[in-house]
Amino acid sequence: MEKKEQQCYFSQNNIKHIDYKDIELLKKFLNPHGRIQGTKRTGVSSKYQRQLATAIKRARFMGLLPFLVR
């Protein structure tokens, strides 16, 4: 079987820096409960996964994203 190559979303769209104020982008990487999805599920490279986690945490702290969704 051939291994399916997953391209990183941020590399594909030429995004160099993930901004915590871009809530619509951050919501794509949260599951329905408001948790950050893993790298295996999203296909994001580890460099951008770390930036994504930091951006989501900053957005939560600033009150832009909820900590949990019910």
PDB file of N, CA and C in Angstrom:
ATOM      1  N   MET A   1       0.835  -1.196   0.000  1.00  0.00           N
ATOM      2  CA  MET A   1       0.000   0.000   0.000  1.00  0.00           C
ATOM      3  C   MET A   1       0.871   1.246   0.000  1.00  0.00           C
ATOM      4  N   GLU A   2       0.441   2.236  -0.770  1.00  0.00           N
ATOM      5  CA  GLU A   2       1.159   3.493  -0.781  1.00  0.00           C
ATOM      6  C   GLU A   2       0.731   4.353   0.389  1.00  0.00           C
ATOM      7  N   LYS A   3       1.684   5.025   0.975  1.00  0.00           N
ATOM      8  CA  LYS A   3       1.392   5.919   2.086  1.00  0.00           C
ATOM      9  C   LYS A   3       0.892   7.247   1.531  1.00  0.00           C
ATOM     10  N   LYS A   4      -0.262   7.696   2.001  1.00  0.00           N
ATOM     11  CA  LYS A   4      -0.842   8.947   1.532  1.00  0.00           C
ATOM     12  C   LYS A   4      -0.103  10.119   2.183  1.00  0.00           C
ATOM     13  N   GLU A   5       0.456  10.977   1.340  1.00  0.00           N
ATOM     14  CA  GLU A   5       1.211  12.133   1.830  1.00  0.00           C
ATOM     15  C   GLU A   5       0.237  13.239   2.237  1.00  0.00           C
ATOM     16  N   GLN A   6       0.249  13.598   3.513  1.00  0.00           N
ATOM     17  CA  GLN A   6      -0.589  14.695   3.976  1.00  0.00           C
ATOM     18  C   GLN A   6       0.240  15.968   3.986  1.00  0.00           C
ATOM     19  N   GLN A   7      -0.242  16.970   3.282  1.00  0.00           N
ATOM     20  CA  GLN A   7       0.464  18.249   3.213  1.00  0.00           C
ATOM     21  C   GLN A   7       0.001  19.137   4.359  1.00  0.00           C
ATOM     22  N   CYS A   8       0.930  19.814   4.984  1.00  0.00           N
ATOM     23  CA  CYS A   8       0.623  20.730   6.073  1.00  0.00           C
ATOM     24  C   CYS A   8      -0.228  21.885   5.554  1.00  0.00           C
ATOM     25  N   TYR A   9      -1.306  22.215   6.257  1.00  0.00           N
ATOM     26  CA  TYR A   9      -2.227  23.274   5.859  1.00  0.00           C
ATOM     27  C   TYR A   9      -1.512  24.616   5.737  1.00  0.00           C
ATOM     28  N   PHE A  10      -0.629  24.901   6.682  1.00  0.00           N
ATOM     29  CA  PHE A  10       0.050  26.195   6.716  1.00  0.00           C
ATOM     30  C   PHE A  10       1.126  26.300   5.636  1.00  0.00           C
ATOM     31  N   SER A  11       1.807  25.186   5.325  1.00  0.00           N
ATOM     32  CA  SER A  11       2.790  25.189   4.245  1.00  0.00           C
ATOM     33  C   SER A  11       2.093  25.342   2.901  1.00  0.00           C
ATOM     34  N   GLN A  12       0.954  24.673   2.741  1.00  0.00           N
ATOM     35  CA  GLN A  12       0.185  24.743   1.501  1.00  0.00           C
ATOM     36  C   GLN A  12      -0.278  26.164   1.207  1.00  0.00           C
ATOM     37  N   ASN A  13      -0.776  26.857   2.222  1.00  0.00           N
ATOM     38  CA  ASN A  13      -1.331  28.197   2.042  1.00  0.00           C
ATOM     39  C   ASN A  13      -0.317  29.305   2.285  1.00  0.00           C
ATOM     40  N   ASN A  14       0.962  28.920   2.415  1.00  0.00           N
ATOM     41  CA  ASN A  14       2.069  29.873   2.568  1.00  0.00           C
ATOM     42  C   ASN A  14       1.850  30.811   3.759  1.00  0.00           C
ATOM     43  N   ILE A  15       1.431  30.254   4.897  1.00  0.00           N
ATOM     44  CA  ILE A  15       1.236  31.023   6.129  1.00  0.00           C
ATOM     45  C   ILE A  15       2.491  30.843   6.988  1.00  0.00           C
ATOM     46  N   LYS A  16       3.183  31.938   7.238  1.00  0.00           N
ATOM     47  CA  LYS A  16       4.436  31.868   8.005  1.00  0.00           C
ATOM     48  C   LYS A  16       4.206  31.991   9.507  1.00  0.00           C
ATOM     49  N   HIS A  17       3.219  32.803   9.886  1.00  0.00           N
ATOM     50  CA  HIS A  17       2.967  33.050  11.309  1.00  0.00           C
ATOM     51  C   HIS A  17       1.485  32.856  11.593  1.00  0.00           C
ATOM     52  N   ILE A  18       1.164  32.132  12.667  1.00  0.00           N
ATOM     53  CA  ILE A  18      -0.227  31.899  13.047  1.00  0.00           C
ATOM     54  C   ILE A  18      -0.618  32.961  14.067  1.00  0.00           C
ATOM     55  N   ASP A  19      -1.633  33.758  13.733  1.00  0.00           N
ATOM     56  CA  ASP A  19      -2.062  34.864  14.572  1.00  0.00           C
ATOM     57  C   ASP A  19      -3.181  34.412  15.502  1.00  0.00           C
ATOM     58  N   TYR A  20      -3.081  34.744  16.788  1.00  0.00           N
ATOM     59  CA  TYR A  20      -4.100  34.327  17.754  1.00  0.00           C
ATOM     60  C   TYR A  20      -5.427  35.045  17.546  1.00  0.00           C
ATOM     61  N   LYS A  21      -5.416  36.158  16.792  1.00  0.00           N
ATOM     62  CA  LYS A  21      -6.650  36.917  16.556  1.00  0.00           C
ATOM     63  C   LYS A  21      -7.468  36.358  15.391  1.00  0.00           C
ATOM     64  N   ASP A  22      -6.885  35.441  14.618  1.00  0.00           N
ATOM     65  CA  ASP A  22      -7.579  34.825  13.484  1.00  0.00           C
ATOM     66  C   ASP A  22      -8.385  33.618  13.982  1.00  0.00           C
ATOM     67  N   ILE A  23      -9.546  33.905  14.568  1.00  0.00           N
ATOM     68  CA  ILE A  23     -10.323  32.886  15.263  1.00  0.00           C
ATOM     69  C   ILE A  23     -10.914  31.845  14.317  1.00  0.00           C
ATOM     70  N   GLU A  24     -11.335  32.269  13.123  1.00  0.00           N
ATOM     71  CA  GLU A  24     -11.934  31.332  12.165  1.00  0.00           C
ATOM     72  C   GLU A  24     -10.926  30.253  11.769  1.00  0.00           C
ATOM     73  N   LEU A  25      -9.662  30.637  11.617  1.00  0.00           N
ATOM     74  CA  LEU A  25      -8.620  29.668  11.288  1.00  0.00           C
ATOM     75  C   LEU A  25      -8.377  28.725  12.463  1.00  0.00           C
ATOM     76  N   LEU A  26      -8.314  29.269  13.669  1.00  0.00           N
ATOM     77  CA  LEU A  26      -8.033  28.448  14.855  1.00  0.00           C
ATOM     78  C   LEU A  26      -9.154  27.443  15.123  1.00  0.00           C
ATOM     79  N   LYS A  27     -10.400  27.833  14.849  1.00  0.00           N
ATOM     80  CA  LYS A  27     -11.547  26.951  15.097  1.00  0.00           C
ATOM     81  C   LYS A  27     -11.493  25.684  14.252  1.00  0.00           C
ATOM     82  N   LYS A  28     -10.812  25.743  13.093  1.00  0.00           N
ATOM     83  CA  LYS A  28     -10.685  24.567  12.227  1.00  0.00           C
ATOM     84  C   LYS A  28      -9.903  23.453  12.911  1.00  0.00           C
ATOM     85  N   PHE A  29      -9.038  23.826  13.837  1.00  0.00           N
ATOM     86  CA  PHE A  29      -8.151  22.858  14.478  1.00  0.00           C
ATOM     87  C   PHE A  29      -8.610  22.482  15.885  1.00  0.00           C
ATOM     88  N   LEU A  30      -9.848  22.814  16.221  1.00  0.00           N
ATOM     89  CA  LEU A  30     -10.446  22.407  17.492  1.00  0.00           C
ATOM     90  C   LEU A  30     -11.518  21.359  17.214  1.00  0.00           C
ATOM     91  N   ASN A  31     -11.658  20.398  18.125  1.00  0.00           N
ATOM     92  CA  ASN A  31     -12.733  19.420  17.957  1.00  0.00           C
ATOM     93  C   ASN A  31     -14.030  20.001  18.529  1.00  0.00           C
ATOM     94  N   PRO A  32     -15.171  19.326  18.384  1.00  0.00           N
ATOM     95  CA  PRO A  32     -16.446  19.897  18.854  1.00  0.00           C
ATOM     96  C   PRO A  32     -16.483  20.240  20.346  1.00  0.00           C
ATOM     97  N   HIS A  33     -15.613  19.624  21.146  1.00  0.00           N
ATOM     98  CA  HIS A  33     -15.567  19.913  22.583  1.00  0.00           C
ATOM     99  C   HIS A  33     -14.652  21.079  22.909  1.00  0.00           C
ATOM    100  N   GLY A  34     -13.960  21.615  21.898  1.00  0.00           N
ATOM    101  CA  GLY A  34     -13.081  22.760  22.109  1.00  0.00           C
ATOM    102  C   GLY A  34     -11.646  22.381  22.401  1.00  0.00           C
ATOM    103  N   ARG A  35     -11.298  21.102  22.216  1.00  0.00           N
ATOM    104  CA  ARG A  35      -9.923  20.667  22.458  1.00  0.00           C
ATOM    105  C   ARG A  35      -9.097  20.809  21.184  1.00  0.00           C
ATOM    106  N   ILE A  36      -7.787  20.974  21.352  1.00  0.00           N
ATOM    107  CA  ILE A  36      -6.878  21.076  20.209  1.00  0.00           C
ATOM    108  C   ILE A  36      -6.707  19.685  19.603  1.00  0.00           C
ATOM    109  N   GLN A  37      -6.898  19.577  18.285  1.00  0.00           N
ATOM    110  CA  GLN A  37      -6.738  18.284  17.624  1.00  0.00           C
ATOM    111  C   GLN A  37      -5.270  17.965  17.429  1.00  0.00           C
ATOM    112  N   GLY A  38      -4.949  16.689  17.401  1.00  0.00           N
ATOM    113  CA  GLY A  38      -3.579  16.237  17.278  1.00  0.00           C
ATOM    114  C   GLY A  38      -3.021  16.375  15.877  1.00  0.00           C
ATOM    115  N   THR A  39      -1.696  16.257  15.782  1.00  0.00           N
ATOM    116  CA  THR A  39      -0.996  16.388  14.511  1.00  0.00           C
ATOM    117  C   THR A  39      -1.405  15.300  13.526  1.00  0.00           C
ATOM    118  N   LYS A  40      -1.588  14.080  14.014  1.00  0.00           N
ATOM    119  CA  LYS A  40      -1.956  12.967  13.132  1.00  0.00           C
ATOM    120  C   LYS A  40      -3.302  13.208  12.470  1.00  0.00           C
ATOM    121  N   ARG A  41      -4.219  13.801  13.198  1.00  0.00           N
ATOM    122  CA  ARG A  41      -5.564  14.035  12.668  1.00  0.00           C
ATOM    123  C   ARG A  41      -5.601  15.206  11.679  1.00  0.00           C
ATOM    124  N   THR A  42      -4.868  16.278  11.983  1.00  0.00           N
ATOM    125  CA  THR A  42      -4.926  17.480  11.153  1.00  0.00           C
ATOM    126  C   THR A  42      -3.910  17.472  10.017  1.00  0.00           C
ATOM    127  N   GLY A  43      -2.801  16.744  10.174  1.00  0.00           N
ATOM    128  CA  GLY A  43      -1.764  16.712   9.147  1.00  0.00           C
ATOM    129  C   GLY A  43      -0.861  17.924   9.157  1.00  0.00           C
ATOM    130  N   VAL A  44      -0.872  18.681  10.261  1.00  0.00           N
ATOM    131  CA  VAL A  44      -0.039  19.879  10.383  1.00  0.00           C
ATOM    132  C   VAL A  44       1.354  19.452  10.841  1.00  0.00           C
ATOM    133  N   SER A  45       2.392  20.090  10.291  1.00  0.00           N
ATOM    134  CA  SER A  45       3.762  19.757  10.687  1.00  0.00           C
ATOM    135  C   SER A  45       3.990  20.166  12.143  1.00  0.00           C
ATOM    136  N   SER A  46       4.982  19.564  12.776  1.00  0.00           N
ATOM    137  CA  SER A  46       5.200  19.778  14.212  1.00  0.00           C
ATOM    138  C   SER A  46       5.555  21.235  14.526  1.00  0.00           C
ATOM    139  N   LYS A  47       6.279  21.895  13.613  1.00  0.00           N
ATOM    140  CA  LYS A  47       6.631  23.314  13.806  1.00  0.00           C
ATOM    141  C   LYS A  47       5.363  24.158  13.926  1.00  0.00           C
ATOM    142  N   TYR A  48       4.431  23.954  13.000  1.00  0.00           N
ATOM    143  CA  TYR A  48       3.196  24.738  13.002  1.00  0.00           C
ATOM    144  C   TYR A  48       2.221  24.256  14.071  1.00  0.00           C
ATOM    145  N   GLN A  49       2.307  22.986  14.471  1.00  0.00           N
ATOM    146  CA  GLN A  49       1.441  22.490  15.546  1.00  0.00           C
ATOM    147  C   GLN A  49       1.765  23.208  16.855  1.00  0.00           C
ATOM    148  N   ARG A  50       3.050  23.449  17.100  1.00  0.00           N
ATOM    149  CA  ARG A  50       3.454  24.175  18.307  1.00  0.00           C
ATOM    150  C   ARG A  50       2.962  25.615  18.259  1.00  0.00           C
ATOM    151  N   GLN A  51       3.121  26.266  17.081  1.00  0.00           N
ATOM    152  CA  GLN A  51       2.632  27.639  16.928  1.00  0.00           C
ATOM    153  C   GLN A  51       1.118  27.701  17.088  1.00  0.00           C
ATOM    154  N   LEU A  52       0.429  26.685  16.547  1.00  0.00           N
ATOM    155  CA  LEU A  52      -1.028  26.617  16.620  1.00  0.00           C
ATOM    156  C   LEU A  52      -1.489  26.491  18.068  1.00  0.00           C
ATOM    157  N   ALA A  53      -0.839  25.617  18.838  1.00  0.00           N
ATOM    158  CA  ALA A  53      -1.204  25.418  20.241  1.00  0.00           C
ATOM    159  C   ALA A  53      -1.012  26.712  21.034  1.00  0.00           C
ATOM    160  N   THR A  54       0.096  27.405  20.797  1.00  0.00           N
ATOM    161  CA  THR A  54       0.355  28.667  21.484  1.00  0.00           C
ATOM    162  C   THR A  54      -0.691  29.709  21.127  1.00  0.00           C
ATOM    163  N   ALA A  55      -1.040  29.793  19.831  1.00  0.00           N
ATOM    164  CA  ALA A  55      -2.035  30.767  19.367  1.00  0.00           C
ATOM    165  C   ALA A  55      -3.403  30.479  19.973  1.00  0.00           C
ATOM    166  N   ILE A  56      -3.786  29.206  20.046  1.00  0.00           N
ATOM    167  CA  ILE A  56      -5.079  28.832  20.620  1.00  0.00           C
ATOM    168  C   ILE A  56      -5.111  29.162  22.108  1.00  0.00           C
ATOM    169  N   LYS A  57      -4.023  28.874  22.805  1.00  0.00           N
ATOM    170  CA  LYS A  57      -3.956  29.175  24.237  1.00  0.00           C
ATOM    171  C   LYS A  57      -4.019  30.672  24.504  1.00  0.00           C
ATOM    172  N   ARG A  58      -3.353  31.463  23.653  1.00  0.00           N
ATOM    173  CA  ARG A  58      -3.409  32.925  23.795  1.00  0.00           C
ATOM    174  C   ARG A  58      -4.812  33.446  23.537  1.00  0.00           C
ATOM    175  N   ALA A  59      -5.468  32.897  22.500  1.00  0.00           N
ATOM    176  CA  ALA A  59      -6.829  33.327  22.163  1.00  0.00           C
ATOM    177  C   ALA A  59      -7.794  32.980  23.292  1.00  0.00           C
ATOM    178  N   ARG A  60      -7.595  31.834  23.937  1.00  0.00           N
ATOM    179  CA  ARG A  60      -8.436  31.449  25.076  1.00  0.00           C
ATOM    180  C   ARG A  60      -8.225  32.414  26.238  1.00  0.00           C
ATOM    181  N   PHE A  61      -6.970  32.744  26.510  1.00  0.00           N
ATOM    182  CA  PHE A  61      -6.646  33.628  27.625  1.00  0.00           C
ATOM    183  C   PHE A  61      -7.205  35.030  27.407  1.00  0.00           C
ATOM    184  N   MET A  62      -7.206  35.479  26.147  1.00  0.00           N
ATOM    185  CA  MET A  62      -7.735  36.800  25.811  1.00  0.00           C
ATOM    186  C   MET A  62      -9.253  36.807  25.730  1.00  0.00           C
ATOM    187  N   GLY A  63      -9.877  35.642  25.820  1.00  0.00           N
ATOM    188  CA  GLY A  63     -11.340  35.562  25.798  1.00  0.00           C
ATOM    189  C   GLY A  63     -11.917  35.472  24.396  1.00  0.00           C
ATOM    190  N   LEU A  64     -11.097  35.202  23.392  1.00  0.00           N
ATOM    191  CA  LEU A  64     -11.570  35.109  22.020  1.00  0.00           C
ATOM    192  C   LEU A  64     -12.124  33.730  21.697  1.00  0.00           C
ATOM    193  N   LEU A  65     -11.581  32.700  22.368  1.00  0.00           N
ATOM    194  CA  LEU A  65     -12.048  31.315  22.199  1.00  0.00           C
ATOM    195  C   LEU A  65     -12.444  30.782  23.579  1.00  0.00           C
ATOM    196  N   PRO A  66     -13.461  29.919  23.634  1.00  0.00           N
ATOM    197  CA  PRO A  66     -13.827  29.344  24.931  1.00  0.00           C
ATOM    198  C   PRO A  66     -12.837  28.227  25.330  1.00  0.00           C
ATOM    199  N   PHE A  67     -12.707  28.013  26.634  1.00  0.00           N
ATOM    200  CA  PHE A  67     -11.855  26.927  27.125  1.00  0.00           C
ATOM    201  C   PHE A  67     -12.508  25.579  26.870  1.00  0.00           C
ATOM    202  N   LEU A  68     -13.842  25.521  27.005  1.00  0.00           N
ATOM    203  CA  LEU A  68     -14.575  24.299  26.667  1.00  0.00           C
ATOM    204  C   LEU A  68     -15.946  24.648  26.142  1.00  0.00           C
ATOM    205  N   VAL A  69     -16.456  23.784  25.254  1.00  0.00           N
ATOM    206  CA  VAL A  69     -17.752  23.996  24.609  1.00  0.00           C
ATOM    207  C   VAL A  69     -18.703  22.914  25.107  1.00  0.00           C
ATOM    208  N   ARG A  70     -19.905  23.330  25.470  1.00  0.00           N
ATOM    209  CA  ARG A  70     -20.873  22.334  25.951  1.00  0.00           C
ATOM    210  C   ARG A  70     -21.950  22.101  24.933  1.00  0.00           C
TER     211      ARG A  70
END
